[in-house]
Protein backbone atom coordinates (compact mmCIF):
# COMPACT_ATOMS: atom_id res chain seq x y z
CA MET A 1 0.00 0.00 0.00
CA LEU A 2 1.11 3.52 -0.80
CA PHE A 3 -0.05 5.96 1.89
CA ARG A 4 0.61 9.71 1.88
CA GLN A 5 -0.54 12.34 4.37
CA LEU A 6 -0.74 15.83 2.84
CA PHE A 7 -1.41 19.14 4.60
CA ASP A 8 -3.21 22.42 3.88
CA SER A 9 -1.91 25.09 6.25
CA GLU A 10 -4.79 27.55 5.83
CA SER A 11 -7.47 25.14 7.05
CA SER A 12 -5.16 22.74 8.93
CA THR A 13 -6.65 19.94 6.82
CA TYR A 14 -5.00 16.59 6.18
CA THR A 15 -5.66 15.06 2.78
CA TYR A 16 -4.81 11.40 2.28
CA LEU A 17 -3.59 9.73 -0.91
CA ILE A 18 -3.87 5.95 -0.82
CA ALA A 19 -3.04 3.56 -3.63
CA ASP A 20 -2.27 -0.03 -4.53
CA ARG A 21 1.35 -0.08 -5.68
CA HIS A 22 0.76 -2.84 -8.24
CA THR A 23 -2.46 -1.76 -9.94
CA LYS A 24 -1.68 1.98 -9.50
CA GLN A 25 -5.31 2.61 -8.55
CA ALA A 26 -5.67 5.45 -6.06
CA VAL A 27 -8.11 7.28 -3.83
CA ILE A 28 -7.90 10.77 -2.34
CA VAL A 29 -9.71 11.47 0.93
CA ASP A 30 -10.72 14.99 2.05
CA SER A 31 -9.20 17.01 -0.77
CA VAL A 32 -8.79 20.80 -0.59
CA LEU A 33 -9.55 23.01 -3.60
CA GLU A 34 -6.46 25.20 -3.15
CA GLN A 35 -4.28 22.07 -3.24
CA PHE A 36 -5.65 20.75 -6.54
CA GLU A 37 -2.40 21.32 -8.46
CA ARG A 38 -0.33 19.68 -5.71
CA ASP A 39 -2.51 16.59 -5.79
CA ILE A 40 -2.56 16.33 -9.58
CA ASP A 41 1.21 16.72 -9.74
CA LEU A 42 1.71 13.99 -7.14
CA LEU A 43 -0.62 11.60 -8.95
CA ASN A 44 1.29 12.18 -12.18
CA GLU A 45 4.71 11.84 -10.53
CA LEU A 46 3.75 8.52 -8.98
CA GLY A 47 1.98 7.26 -12.11
CA LEU A 48 -1.31 6.74 -10.29
CA ASN A 49 -4.83 6.45 -11.69
CA LEU A 50 -7.28 8.26 -9.41
CA ARG A 51 -10.35 6.09 -9.10
CA TYR A 52 -12.22 7.69 -6.19
CA CYS A 53 -12.45 10.99 -4.34
CA LEU A 54 -13.84 10.39 -0.87
CA ASP A 55 -14.94 12.91 1.71
CA THR A 56 -15.53 12.04 5.34
CA HIS A 57 -18.35 14.62 5.49
CA ILE A 58 -19.56 17.96 4.14
CA HIS A 59 -16.80 20.25 5.34
CA ALA A 60 -17.48 23.73 6.69
CA ASP A 61 -13.91 25.05 6.84
CA HIS A 62 -12.67 24.45 3.31
CA ILE A 63 -13.94 23.71 -0.18
CA THR A 64 -13.32 20.24 -1.56
CA ALA A 65 -11.38 19.69 -4.80
CA THR A 66 -13.53 16.70 -5.71
CA GLY A 67 -15.27 18.40 -8.63
CA LYS A 68 -12.04 19.59 -10.24
CA LEU A 69 -10.32 16.27 -9.64
CA ARG A 70 -13.25 14.46 -11.24
CA GLN A 71 -13.05 16.73 -14.29
CA ALA A 72 -9.29 16.20 -14.58
CA THR A 73 -9.08 12.46 -13.96
CA GLY A 74 -12.53 10.92 -14.46
CA CYS A 75 -12.59 9.67 -10.85
CA LEU A 76 -15.83 9.04 -8.99
CA SER A 77 -17.09 11.22 -6.13
CA VAL A 78 -18.05 9.13 -3.08
CA LEU A 79 -19.78 10.63 -0.04
CA PRO A 80 -21.28 9.15 3.14
CA LYS A 81 -24.83 7.89 2.95
CA ASN A 82 -27.44 10.55 3.84
CA SER A 83 -25.17 13.40 2.72
CA GLN A 84 -28.01 14.84 0.60
CA VAL A 85 -25.60 15.88 -2.13
CA LYS A 86 -26.87 15.55 -5.68
CA CYS A 87 -23.47 15.81 -7.37
CA ALA A 88 -21.99 12.60 -5.88
CA ASP A 89 -21.53 9.58 -8.10
CA SER A 90 -22.25 7.20 -5.23
CA PHE A 91 -22.75 7.03 -1.48
CA ILE A 92 -20.92 4.71 0.88
CA GLN A 93 -22.73 3.16 3.82
CA HIS A 94 -21.61 1.65 7.11
CA GLY A 95 -19.68 -1.57 6.58
CA GLN A 96 -19.31 -1.11 2.83
CA VAL A 97 -15.84 -1.84 1.44
CA LEU A 98 -14.13 -0.20 -1.52
CA GLN A 99 -11.41 -2.30 -3.15
CA LEU A 100 -8.32 -0.89 -4.86
CA GLY A 101 -6.28 -3.93 -5.87
CA ALA A 102 -5.09 -5.37 -2.55
CA VAL A 103 -6.12 -2.26 -0.61
CA THR A 104 -9.44 -2.27 1.26
CA ILE A 105 -11.26 0.82 2.52
CA GLU A 106 -14.15 0.15 4.89
CA GLY A 107 -16.69 2.81 5.74
CA ILE A 108 -17.52 3.24 9.44
CA ALA A 109 -20.52 5.50 10.03
CA THR A 110 -19.58 8.10 12.64
CA PRO A 111 -22.23 10.86 12.61
CA GLY A 112 -22.36 13.43 15.37
CA HIS A 113 -20.00 16.12 14.13
CA THR A 114 -22.46 16.37 11.27
CA ASN A 115 -25.52 14.24 10.56
CA SER A 116 -23.65 12.27 7.87
CA HIS A 117 -20.03 11.40 8.54
CA MET A 118 -17.86 8.42 7.66
CA ALA A 119 -14.53 7.22 9.01
CA TYR A 120 -12.49 5.00 6.70
CA LEU A 121 -10.53 1.96 7.88
CA VAL A 122 -7.75 1.21 5.39
CA ASN A 123 -6.34 -2.34 5.31
CA ASN A 124 -7.54 -2.78 8.92
CA THR A 125 -4.55 -0.74 10.13
CA HIS A 126 -4.99 2.95 9.18
CA LEU A 127 -8.12 4.72 10.41
CA LEU A 128 -9.04 8.01 8.75
CA THR A 129 -11.27 9.57 11.40
CA GLY A 130 -12.32 12.78 9.67
CA ASP A 131 -13.69 15.21 12.26
CA ALA A 132 -15.20 12.50 14.47
CA LEU A 133 -11.95 11.97 16.35
CA PHE A 134 -8.92 14.22 16.46
CA ILE A 135 -5.60 13.64 18.18
CA ARG A 136 -6.57 14.54 21.77
CA GLY A 137 -9.84 16.08 20.64
CA CYS A 138 -12.86 15.78 18.36
CA GLY A 139 -14.94 17.83 15.97
CA ARG A 140 -17.58 20.23 17.25
CA THR A 141 -21.27 19.27 17.27
CA ASP A 142 -23.09 22.60 17.27
CA PHE A 143 -24.04 23.00 13.59
CA GLN A 144 -24.89 20.97 10.45
CA ASP A 145 -27.30 18.89 12.55
CA GLY A 146 -24.50 17.69 14.82
CA ASP A 147 -25.32 15.76 17.95
CA ALA A 148 -22.92 15.27 20.86
CA GLY A 149 -24.56 12.11 22.19
CA THR A 150 -24.44 10.49 18.77
CA LEU A 151 -20.77 11.38 18.37
CA TYR A 152 -19.91 9.94 21.77
CA ASP A 153 -21.70 6.69 20.92
CA CYS A 154 -20.01 6.36 17.53
CA VAL A 155 -16.51 7.05 18.82
CA THR A 156 -16.75 4.84 21.89
CA LYS A 157 -18.66 1.96 20.30
CA ARG A 158 -17.30 1.92 16.75
CA LEU A 159 -13.83 3.45 16.85
CA PHE A 160 -12.59 2.68 20.37
CA THR A 161 -13.54 -0.98 19.88
CA LEU A 162 -10.97 -1.35 17.08
CA PRO A 163 -7.59 -2.91 17.98
CA ASP A 164 -5.46 -0.68 20.20
CA GLU A 165 -2.64 -0.55 17.65
CA THR A 166 -4.89 0.88 14.92
CA LEU A 167 -3.32 4.09 13.61
CA VAL A 168 -5.48 7.22 13.89
CA TYR A 169 -5.22 9.80 11.09
CA PRO A 170 -7.59 12.77 11.56
CA ALA A 171 -8.86 15.28 9.01
CA HIS A 172 -7.40 18.19 10.98
CA ASP A 173 -4.74 18.98 13.52
CA TYR A 174 -3.99 22.41 14.93
CA LYS A 175 -0.90 21.55 16.98
CA GLY A 176 1.34 19.83 14.45
CA CYS A 177 0.51 16.24 15.40
CA THR A 178 0.21 13.80 12.51
CA VAL A 179 -0.82 10.39 13.83
CA SER A 180 -2.02 8.66 16.98
CA THR A 181 -3.42 5.25 17.93
CA ILE A 182 -6.71 4.01 19.27
CA ALA A 183 -4.96 3.04 22.53
CA GLU A 184 -3.59 6.56 22.99
CA GLU A 185 -6.91 8.25 22.32
CA LYS A 186 -8.83 5.96 24.66
CA GLN A 187 -6.37 6.75 27.41
CA LEU A 188 -5.36 10.35 26.72
CA ASN A 189 -8.07 12.13 24.73
CA PRO A 190 -9.52 14.69 27.19
CA ARG A 191 -12.89 14.73 25.43
CA PHE A 192 -13.48 11.01 26.04
CA ALA A 193 -11.07 9.55 28.61
CA GLY A 194 -12.91 9.07 31.88
CA LYS A 195 -16.00 10.86 30.54
CA THR A 196 -19.54 9.52 30.66
CA ARG A 197 -21.94 10.24 27.82
CA ASP A 198 -23.58 13.00 29.88
CA ASP A 199 -20.17 14.47 30.74
CA PHE A 200 -19.30 14.61 27.05
CA ILE A 201 -22.60 16.22 26.06
CA GLN A 202 -22.20 18.90 28.71
CA LEU A 203 -18.61 19.56 27.64
CA MET A 204 -19.55 19.91 23.96
CA GLU A 205 -22.49 22.19 24.74
CA ASN A 206 -20.20 24.64 26.51
CA LEU A 207 -17.29 24.97 24.04
CA ASP A 208 -18.51 28.38 22.79
CA LEU A 209 -16.50 28.25 19.57
CA PRO A 210 -16.69 30.81 16.74
CA PHE A 211 -18.06 29.49 13.45
CA PRO A 212 -15.50 28.62 10.74
CA THR A 213 -14.71 31.69 8.65
CA LYS A 214 -15.53 29.93 5.37
CA ILE A 215 -18.74 28.19 6.46
CA LYS A 216 -21.08 30.30 4.32
CA GLN A 217 -19.00 29.60 1.22
CA ALA A 218 -17.78 26.09 1.97
CA VAL A 219 -21.00 24.27 2.84
CA PRO A 220 -22.97 25.28 -0.31
CA ALA A 221 -19.91 24.68 -2.50
CA ASN A 222 -19.27 21.25 -0.98
CA LYS A 223 -22.88 20.26 -1.56
CA ASN A 224 -21.97 20.77 -5.24
CA CYS A 225 -18.67 18.82 -5.00
CA GLY A 226 -16.71 22.07 -4.68
CA MET A 227 -17.82 23.50 -8.00
């Protein structure tokens, strides 16, 4: 498996390029419009054929490059089930597996940050958690029909039940961290470690965070695959 973690400094977004080294089939997860040229150049340098563009959810802090990547490469846009996005080519549901040669990508439904959100488990070892689980944190739950109780249930029952050694790769990090593990987050994540469901709900209801600066532009654009 080829696995690359790429970064957009403006939105602190991680984009992931994953491919089967033999078939050269590739997928990009959580692309960023401003990084379109970077991603195209990397695909060309590595001789990869982009088959899918996946998003973990409808982002509010940046615009996806899915539409432009689809125009340039002929890839398919794949979004979580219930995303209510007309431009997607298909929707992935909980437990569904995408196959790229010997590489498997399993969708794990993790709503709560938004009402449709998917984590992706790659080859049973690399977990792309989107905004459901950050390194020592998690995504907010106060807009886009988010729900703190639902997020707590999904993280504790679907992600924290994976093997401890599973690598955690989030969609964002604001402190320069790049990877964690399920064991670390169960033990050290202050949003979840030692917290009951009610504790978590109360914590999330009192974060008092400003809205993302691009939310009014990003959400409508992302409902049209960034176009």
